[in-house]
Amino acid sequence: MTHELPAASGPFRAGDRVQLTGPRGHLHTITLVPGKVFHSHKGPLAHDAIIGRPDGSVVVNEAGVEHLALRPLLTDFVMSMPRGAAIVYPKDSAQILAQADVFPGATVVEAGVGSGALSLWLLRAIGQSGRLASFERRDEFADVARGNVETFYGVLPETWSLTVGDLAEELPKTFAAGTVDRIVLDMLAPWECVDAAATALKPGGVLLCYVATVTQLSRVAEAIRDSAAFTHPLSSETMVRGWHVEGLAVRPDHRMIAHTGFLITARRLAPGTVLPELKRRASKSEYSDDDVEAWTPGALGERVVSPKSLRKRVREASESAHLARERDALHGETAADQSGGAQTDGDQSGGGEAEGHQSVH
């Protein structure tokens, strides 16, 4: 049996994550713990003042300042959860689900898992009958991702497996050839895994790579073409521009989420198929060994998170997962009492408070 997000509706409970919006639009995400108090420069707000209220309520802190309390959407959760590695932004996650055509019941492979942001979207898309196999080379990132997924779902979904290791080595051990529907690569050098992906994918399956720079984009496109196992790759990027709409004041926002990464997709050809050549105008497509050297992971440079910062993020993710487990254990006991017709009162206990600021873009 798989699990959906617990308590997606109904009154707020101890252990729920709540997004508080202040009078100036500042967002704070907290985990409700009986007896705890959320402090901000606007004054203290007791968690007990939120517990038991319906989703979408306005609560007033001790200084008389109003806050809107809502359960975070998946987008909100992703933007405020602890991070081990940079996350895939919701705008790119949405395009990944669309361009890779991830469907309920699909068998999907993901590498690397990073902080688990894309994993959460993929788990929702494959439904209760699908399978998501995530691969991550770093133990610390895997721990953060595992904590974030467990925090969101309350359990580790049975549709998800997380393997620490190199995809090119672990994928053949996990899946027989031609058994995977979709493969999503979010890594520094996805061209190193193109052959392994080609072997694992079913004919017609989709390979999607998420890369940050044009040099990565160029190299992975050439690797896909050189493999002779895929259709011609298609590349794109997504930019989101919000609009200010208030009365007659209608204009673009001063800020926008512009470039975050490129998406490149291709479909697996049937074995032995020779793809027809595209008729193109002459272009500069030749490159030397020196050019290739400039595209290597070492030259590109990998963003490194300090060990101290990473340990803190692992701890935050683990604490959030612990609170989620306590919430669901308490909810299970309450449901059992109600189904038996017995009403009992008991003390609720909770752990530490997990608070965070959500970025406003």
Protein backbone atom coordinates (compact mmCIF):
# COMPACT_ATOMS: atom_id res chain seq x y z
CA MET A 1 0.00 0.00 0.00
CA THR A 2 1.35 3.43 -0.89
CA HIS A 3 0.70 6.65 0.98
CA GLU A 4 -0.52 10.02 -0.12
CA LEU A 5 0.18 13.24 1.78
CA PRO A 6 -1.45 12.79 5.21
CA ALA A 7 -4.13 15.21 6.36
CA ALA A 8 -4.28 17.19 3.13
CA SER A 9 -7.46 18.77 4.48
CA GLY A 10 -9.24 19.30 7.76
CA PRO A 11 -8.12 21.14 10.91
CA PHE A 12 -4.43 21.64 11.57
CA ARG A 13 -2.86 18.93 13.73
CA ALA A 14 0.31 18.66 15.77
CA GLY A 15 3.12 17.71 13.39
CA ASP A 16 1.57 19.47 10.38
CA ARG A 17 3.67 21.91 8.42
CA VAL A 18 2.01 25.31 8.15
CA GLN A 19 2.87 28.27 5.95
CA LEU A 20 2.34 31.62 7.67
CA THR A 21 1.99 34.76 5.56
CA GLY A 22 2.59 38.03 7.39
CA PRO A 23 1.14 41.47 6.63
CA ARG A 24 3.91 42.33 4.16
CA GLY A 25 3.73 39.00 2.36
CA HIS A 26 6.71 37.47 4.16
CA LEU A 27 6.42 33.68 4.34
CA HIS A 28 7.46 31.39 7.18
CA THR A 29 7.03 27.62 7.26
CA ILE A 30 6.80 25.95 10.67
CA THR A 31 5.99 22.50 12.03
CA LEU A 32 3.25 22.61 14.66
CA VAL A 33 4.29 21.37 18.12
CA PRO A 34 1.98 21.77 21.15
CA GLY A 35 3.35 24.30 23.61
CA LYS A 36 5.83 25.81 21.17
CA VAL A 37 5.89 29.46 20.08
CA PHE A 38 6.85 30.90 16.69
CA HIS A 39 8.88 34.08 17.10
CA SER A 40 9.37 36.79 14.49
CA HIS A 41 10.04 40.51 14.57
CA LYS A 42 6.25 40.93 14.40
CA GLY A 43 5.82 39.22 17.78
CA PRO A 44 5.25 35.70 19.19
CA LEU A 45 2.57 33.34 17.89
CA ALA A 46 1.69 30.21 19.88
CA HIS A 47 1.41 26.97 17.91
CA ASP A 48 -1.61 26.09 20.05
CA ALA A 49 -3.43 29.09 18.51
CA ILE A 50 -3.14 27.36 15.13
CA ILE A 51 -3.75 23.70 16.08
CA GLY A 52 -7.40 22.80 15.59
CA ARG A 53 -8.18 25.65 13.22
CA PRO A 54 -9.23 24.94 9.62
CA ASP A 55 -6.85 25.33 6.71
CA GLY A 56 -6.95 28.90 5.37
CA SER A 57 -7.52 30.58 8.73
CA VAL A 58 -6.25 33.96 9.90
CA VAL A 59 -4.53 33.84 13.29
CA VAL A 60 -3.46 36.79 15.43
CA ASN A 61 -0.20 36.80 17.38
CA GLU A 62 0.31 38.32 20.82
CA ALA A 63 1.16 41.69 19.28
CA GLY A 64 -2.14 41.78 17.39
CA VAL A 65 -0.55 41.08 13.98
CA GLU A 66 -2.56 38.88 11.64
CA HIS A 67 -1.06 35.91 9.78
CA LEU A 68 -2.70 33.74 7.15
CA ALA A 69 -2.20 30.03 7.93
CA LEU A 70 -2.25 27.54 5.05
CA ARG A 71 -0.95 24.04 4.49
CA PRO A 72 1.97 24.37 2.08
CA LEU A 73 1.42 23.24 -1.47
CA LEU A 74 4.11 20.98 -2.89
CA THR A 75 5.63 24.07 -4.51
CA ASP A 76 5.79 25.80 -1.13
CA PHE A 77 7.22 22.74 0.58
CA VAL A 78 9.98 22.35 -2.02
CA MET A 79 11.02 25.99 -1.75
CA SER A 80 11.26 25.91 2.07
CA MET A 81 12.63 22.41 2.78
CA PRO A 82 16.25 21.77 3.88
CA ARG A 83 18.66 21.58 0.95
CA GLY A 84 21.75 19.50 0.52
CA ALA A 85 22.15 20.38 -3.15
CA ALA A 86 20.51 23.01 -5.33
CA ILE A 87 16.90 22.05 -6.07
CA VAL A 88 15.06 21.73 -9.35
CA TYR A 89 12.69 24.70 -9.35
CA PRO A 90 8.94 24.02 -9.62
CA LYS A 91 8.80 25.67 -13.05
CA ASP A 92 11.37 23.16 -14.34
CA SER A 93 9.80 20.25 -12.48
CA ALA A 94 6.48 20.96 -14.19
CA GLN A 95 8.16 20.99 -17.59
CA ILE A 96 10.05 17.78 -16.79
CA LEU A 97 6.78 16.00 -16.00
CA ALA A 98 5.26 17.32 -19.23
CA GLN A 99 8.18 16.85 -21.62
CA ALA A 100 9.10 13.43 -20.25
CA ASP A 101 5.39 12.51 -20.26
CA VAL A 102 5.52 10.96 -16.79
CA PHE A 103 2.27 9.06 -16.23
CA PRO A 104 0.58 7.02 -13.45
CA GLY A 105 2.05 3.54 -13.38
CA ALA A 106 5.29 4.52 -15.13
CA THR A 107 8.67 3.07 -14.19
CA VAL A 108 10.94 6.09 -13.83
CA VAL A 109 14.67 6.38 -13.10
CA GLU A 110 16.09 9.59 -11.64
CA ALA A 111 19.73 10.57 -11.06
CA GLY A 112 20.95 12.43 -9.04
CA VAL A 113 18.41 12.95 -6.35
CA GLY A 114 19.96 16.10 -4.83
CA SER A 115 17.62 17.35 -2.08
CA GLY A 116 14.62 15.34 -3.27
CA ALA A 117 12.63 18.18 -4.85
CA LEU A 118 12.16 16.49 -8.23
CA SER A 119 11.63 13.13 -6.51
CA LEU A 120 8.53 14.53 -4.79
CA TRP A 121 7.03 15.67 -8.10
CA LEU A 122 7.85 12.37 -9.80
CA LEU A 123 6.34 10.34 -6.94
CA ARG A 124 3.11 12.27 -7.23
CA ALA A 125 3.02 11.84 -11.03
CA ILE A 126 3.59 8.06 -11.09
CA GLY A 127 0.75 7.46 -8.64
CA GLN A 128 0.30 4.38 -6.47
CA SER A 129 1.00 1.89 -9.27
CA GLY A 130 4.25 3.34 -10.59
CA ARG A 131 7.86 2.99 -9.51
CA LEU A 132 10.53 5.63 -9.00
CA ALA A 133 14.15 4.50 -8.65
CA SER A 134 16.44 7.35 -7.60
CA PHE A 135 20.23 7.21 -7.69
CA GLU A 136 22.58 9.54 -5.82
CA ARG A 137 26.36 9.36 -5.52
CA ARG A 138 26.65 11.23 -2.19
CA ASP A 139 25.39 9.77 1.09
CA GLU A 140 24.75 13.22 2.59
CA PHE A 141 22.50 14.32 -0.27
CA ALA A 142 20.65 11.01 -0.10
CA ASP A 143 20.01 11.55 3.63
CA VAL A 144 18.61 15.04 3.03
CA ALA A 145 16.38 13.79 0.21
CA ARG A 146 15.15 10.84 2.29
CA GLY A 147 14.27 13.17 5.18
CA ASN A 148 12.43 15.62 2.93
CA VAL A 149 10.38 12.90 1.22
CA GLU A 150 9.47 11.32 4.56
CA THR A 151 8.52 14.72 5.98
CA PHE A 152 6.18 15.41 3.09
CA TYR A 153 4.50 11.98 2.99
CA GLY A 154 4.84 10.98 6.64
CA VAL A 155 6.41 7.69 5.47
CA LEU A 156 8.87 6.59 2.83
CA PRO A 157 6.60 5.67 -0.12
CA GLU A 158 6.72 2.04 -1.17
CA THR A 159 6.86 3.21 -4.79
CA TRP A 160 10.29 4.78 -4.18
CA SER A 161 13.76 3.33 -3.90
CA LEU A 162 16.92 5.33 -3.27
CA THR A 163 20.29 3.86 -4.19
CA VAL A 164 23.62 5.45 -3.28
CA GLY A 165 26.04 4.84 -6.12
CA ASP A 166 26.95 5.69 -9.70
CA LEU A 167 24.05 5.35 -12.14
CA ALA A 168 26.14 3.80 -14.92
CA GLU A 169 27.18 1.00 -12.56
CA GLU A 170 23.97 0.52 -10.55
CA LEU A 171 21.32 0.84 -13.27
CA PRO A 172 22.10 -2.50 -15.01
CA LYS A 173 21.95 -4.21 -11.60
CA THR A 174 18.51 -2.75 -10.87
CA PHE A 175 16.68 -2.99 -14.20
CA ALA A 176 16.81 -5.47 -17.06
CA ALA A 177 17.38 -4.05 -20.52
CA GLY A 178 14.34 -2.42 -22.09
CA THR A 179 12.19 -2.21 -18.93
CA VAL A 180 12.26 1.50 -17.98
CA ASP A 181 9.70 4.01 -19.28
CA ARG A 182 11.42 7.30 -18.42
CA ILE A 183 14.91 8.36 -17.32
CA VAL A 184 15.61 11.84 -15.92
CA LEU A 185 19.25 12.85 -15.45
CA ASP A 186 20.05 15.85 -13.25
CA MET A 187 23.83 15.64 -12.93
CA LEU A 188 27.02 17.40 -13.90
CA ALA A 189 28.00 15.02 -16.72
CA PRO A 190 24.87 13.26 -18.04
CA TRP A 191 26.67 12.30 -21.27
CA GLU A 192 28.54 9.67 -19.26
CA CYS A 193 25.23 7.84 -18.65
CA VAL A 194 23.67 8.00 -22.13
CA ASP A 195 24.68 4.44 -23.05
CA ALA A 196 23.38 3.00 -19.78
CA ALA A 197 20.11 4.89 -20.26
CA ALA A 198 19.77 3.59 -23.82
CA THR A 199 20.12 0.02 -22.58
CA ALA A 200 17.55 0.38 -19.80
CA LEU A 201 14.87 2.28 -21.74
CA LYS A 202 12.02 0.64 -23.61
CA PRO A 203 11.69 1.51 -27.31
CA GLY A 204 9.84 4.81 -27.39
CA GLY A 205 10.92 5.63 -23.84
CA VAL A 206 12.02 9.16 -22.97
CA LEU A 207 15.44 10.35 -21.84
CA LEU A 208 15.45 13.84 -20.31
CA CYS A 209 18.55 15.67 -19.11
CA TYR A 210 18.52 18.78 -16.92
CA VAL A 211 21.72 20.84 -17.25
CA ALA A 212 22.72 24.34 -16.18
CA THR A 213 25.13 25.60 -18.85
CA VAL A 214 25.29 25.80 -22.64
CA THR A 215 28.51 23.78 -22.69
CA GLN A 216 26.81 20.93 -20.85
CA LEU A 217 23.83 21.24 -23.17
CA SER A 218 26.04 21.01 -26.25
CA ARG A 219 28.01 18.04 -25.01
CA VAL A 220 25.02 15.95 -23.92
CA ALA A 221 23.28 16.67 -27.24
CA GLU A 222 26.30 15.38 -29.14
CA ALA A 223 26.50 12.31 -26.91
CA ILE A 224 22.84 11.53 -27.62
CA ARG A 225 23.44 11.88 -31.37
CA ASP A 226 26.63 9.79 -31.25
CA SER A 227 24.85 6.95 -29.45
CA ALA A 228 22.61 6.40 -32.52
CA ALA A 229 20.02 5.04 -30.09
CA PHE A 230 17.72 8.07 -29.83
CA THR A 231 15.68 10.50 -31.87
CA HIS A 232 17.13 13.93 -32.55
CA PRO A 233 17.35 15.75 -29.19
CA LEU A 234 15.10 18.73 -28.45
CA SER A 235 16.29 21.51 -26.13
CA SER A 236 14.46 24.26 -24.25
CA GLU A 237 14.50 26.48 -21.20
CA THR A 238 11.58 27.89 -19.20
CA MET A 239 11.23 31.42 -17.91
CA VAL A 240 8.38 32.58 -15.70
CA ARG A 241 7.39 36.24 -15.45
CA GLY A 242 4.73 37.22 -12.96
CA TRP A 243 2.40 40.18 -13.37
CA HIS A 244 1.24 42.81 -10.92
CA VAL A 245 -2.51 43.23 -11.34
CA GLU A 246 -4.26 45.70 -9.05
CA GLY A 247 -7.04 47.85 -10.45
CA LEU A 248 -5.69 49.70 -13.46
CA ALA A 249 -2.09 49.12 -12.37
CA VAL A 250 -1.27 46.17 -14.62
CA ARG A 251 2.41 45.59 -15.38
CA PRO A 252 5.08 42.88 -15.31
CA ASP A 253 6.67 42.20 -11.93
CA HIS A 254 10.04 43.80 -11.34
CA ARG A 255 11.52 40.34 -10.70
CA MET A 256 11.19 37.13 -12.64
CA ILE A 257 12.48 33.58 -12.45
CA ALA A 258 14.61 33.51 -15.58
CA HIS A 259 17.25 30.94 -16.49
CA THR A 260 17.68 28.06 -14.06
CA GLY A 261 18.55 25.26 -16.46
CA PHE A 262 18.10 23.64 -19.86
CA LEU A 263 15.97 20.60 -20.63
CA ILE A 264 17.03 18.27 -23.43
CA THR A 265 14.86 15.31 -24.42
CA ALA A 266 15.08 12.40 -26.83
CA ARG A 267 13.18 9.13 -27.37
CA ARG A 268 14.64 5.65 -27.52
CA LEU A 269 14.68 4.10 -30.97
CA ALA A 270 13.86 0.45 -31.57
CA PRO A 271 17.04 -1.69 -31.65
CA GLY A 272 18.61 -1.66 -35.10
CA THR A 273 16.73 1.42 -36.26
CA VAL A 274 18.73 3.96 -38.27
CA LEU A 275 17.45 7.48 -37.79
CA PRO A 276 17.06 9.48 -41.04
CA GLU A 277 19.40 12.43 -41.36
CA LEU A 278 17.89 15.85 -40.83
CA LYS A 279 18.30 18.27 -43.72
CA ARG A 280 19.94 21.34 -42.25
CA ARG A 281 21.74 24.40 -43.46
CA ALA A 282 25.51 24.33 -43.09
CA SER A 283 26.57 25.27 -39.57
CA LYS A 284 29.63 25.27 -37.37
CA SER A 285 29.39 21.82 -35.80
CA GLU A 286 33.04 20.76 -35.68
CA TYR A 287 34.93 20.83 -32.39
CA SER A 288 38.40 19.86 -31.21
CA ASP A 289 39.76 17.95 -28.22
CA ASP A 290 40.52 21.29 -26.57
CA ASP A 291 36.87 22.25 -26.86
CA VAL A 292 35.83 18.97 -25.27
CA GLU A 293 38.27 19.53 -22.41
CA ALA A 294 36.56 22.84 -21.67
CA TRP A 295 33.29 20.96 -21.24
CA THR A 296 34.54 18.47 -18.65
CA PRO A 297 33.09 18.49 -15.13
CA GLY A 298 36.36 19.81 -13.72
CA ALA A 299 36.33 22.81 -16.04
CA LEU A 300 32.65 23.43 -15.44
CA GLY A 301 33.13 23.47 -11.69
CA GLU A 302 30.77 21.81 -9.23
CA ARG A 303 29.11 23.86 -6.51
CA VAL A 304 30.39 22.43 -3.24
CA VAL A 305 28.42 22.62 0.01
CA SER A 306 30.62 22.81 3.11
CA PRO A 307 30.58 19.71 5.36
CA LYS A 308 29.31 21.77 8.31
CA SER A 309 26.42 23.22 6.31
CA LEU A 310 25.58 19.81 4.89
CA ARG A 311 25.50 18.19 8.35
CA LYS A 312 23.08 20.90 9.49
CA ARG A 313 20.78 20.28 6.52
CA VAL A 314 20.81 16.52 7.11
CA ARG A 315 19.89 17.15 10.75
CA GLU A 316 17.02 19.49 9.77
CA ALA A 317 15.62 17.00 7.29
CA SER A 318 15.84 14.16 9.84
CA GLU A 319 14.10 16.23 12.54
CA SER A 320 11.26 17.11 10.14
CA ALA A 321 10.84 13.44 9.23
CA HIS A 322 10.74 12.51 12.94
CA LEU A 323 7.97 15.04 13.60
CA ALA A 324 6.00 13.72 10.62
CA ARG A 325 6.23 10.16 12.00
CA GLU A 326 5.03 11.32 15.43
CA ARG A 327 2.12 13.15 13.83
CA ASP A 328 0.97 10.10 11.90
CA ALA A 329 1.41 7.77 14.88
CA LEU A 330 -0.77 10.08 16.97
CA HIS A 331 -3.32 10.38 14.16
CA GLY A 332 -3.46 6.58 13.83
CA GLU A 333 -4.18 6.15 17.55
CA THR A 334 -6.94 8.78 17.40
CA ALA A 335 -8.54 7.14 14.37
CA ALA A 336 -8.46 3.74 16.10
CA ASP A 337 -10.17 5.17 19.19
CA GLN A 338 -12.87 6.82 17.10
CA SER A 339 -13.54 3.67 15.08
CA GLY A 340 -14.04 1.75 18.34
CA GLY A 341 -16.50 4.30 19.58
CA ALA A 342 -14.30 5.36 22.47
CA GLN A 343 -13.35 8.97 23.13
CA THR A 344 -10.20 9.45 25.21
CA ASP A 345 -8.20 12.50 26.10
CA GLY A 346 -4.42 12.38 26.19
CA ASP A 347 -1.41 14.62 26.23
CA GLN A 348 0.24 15.34 22.96
CA SER A 349 3.99 15.45 22.85
CA GLY A 350 6.20 16.84 20.15
CA GLY A 351 9.81 17.37 19.30
CA GLY A 352 11.66 20.49 18.36
CA GLU A 353 10.40 23.19 16.09
CA ALA A 354 11.39 23.20 12.43
CA GLU A 355 11.14 26.67 11.00
CA GLY A 356 12.35 28.13 7.75
CA HIS A 357 12.01 31.08 5.46
CA GLN A 358 10.61 30.55 2.01
CA SER A 359 12.22 32.46 -0.79
CA VAL A 360 10.05 35.00 -2.52
CA HIS A 361 10.82 35.35 -6.21
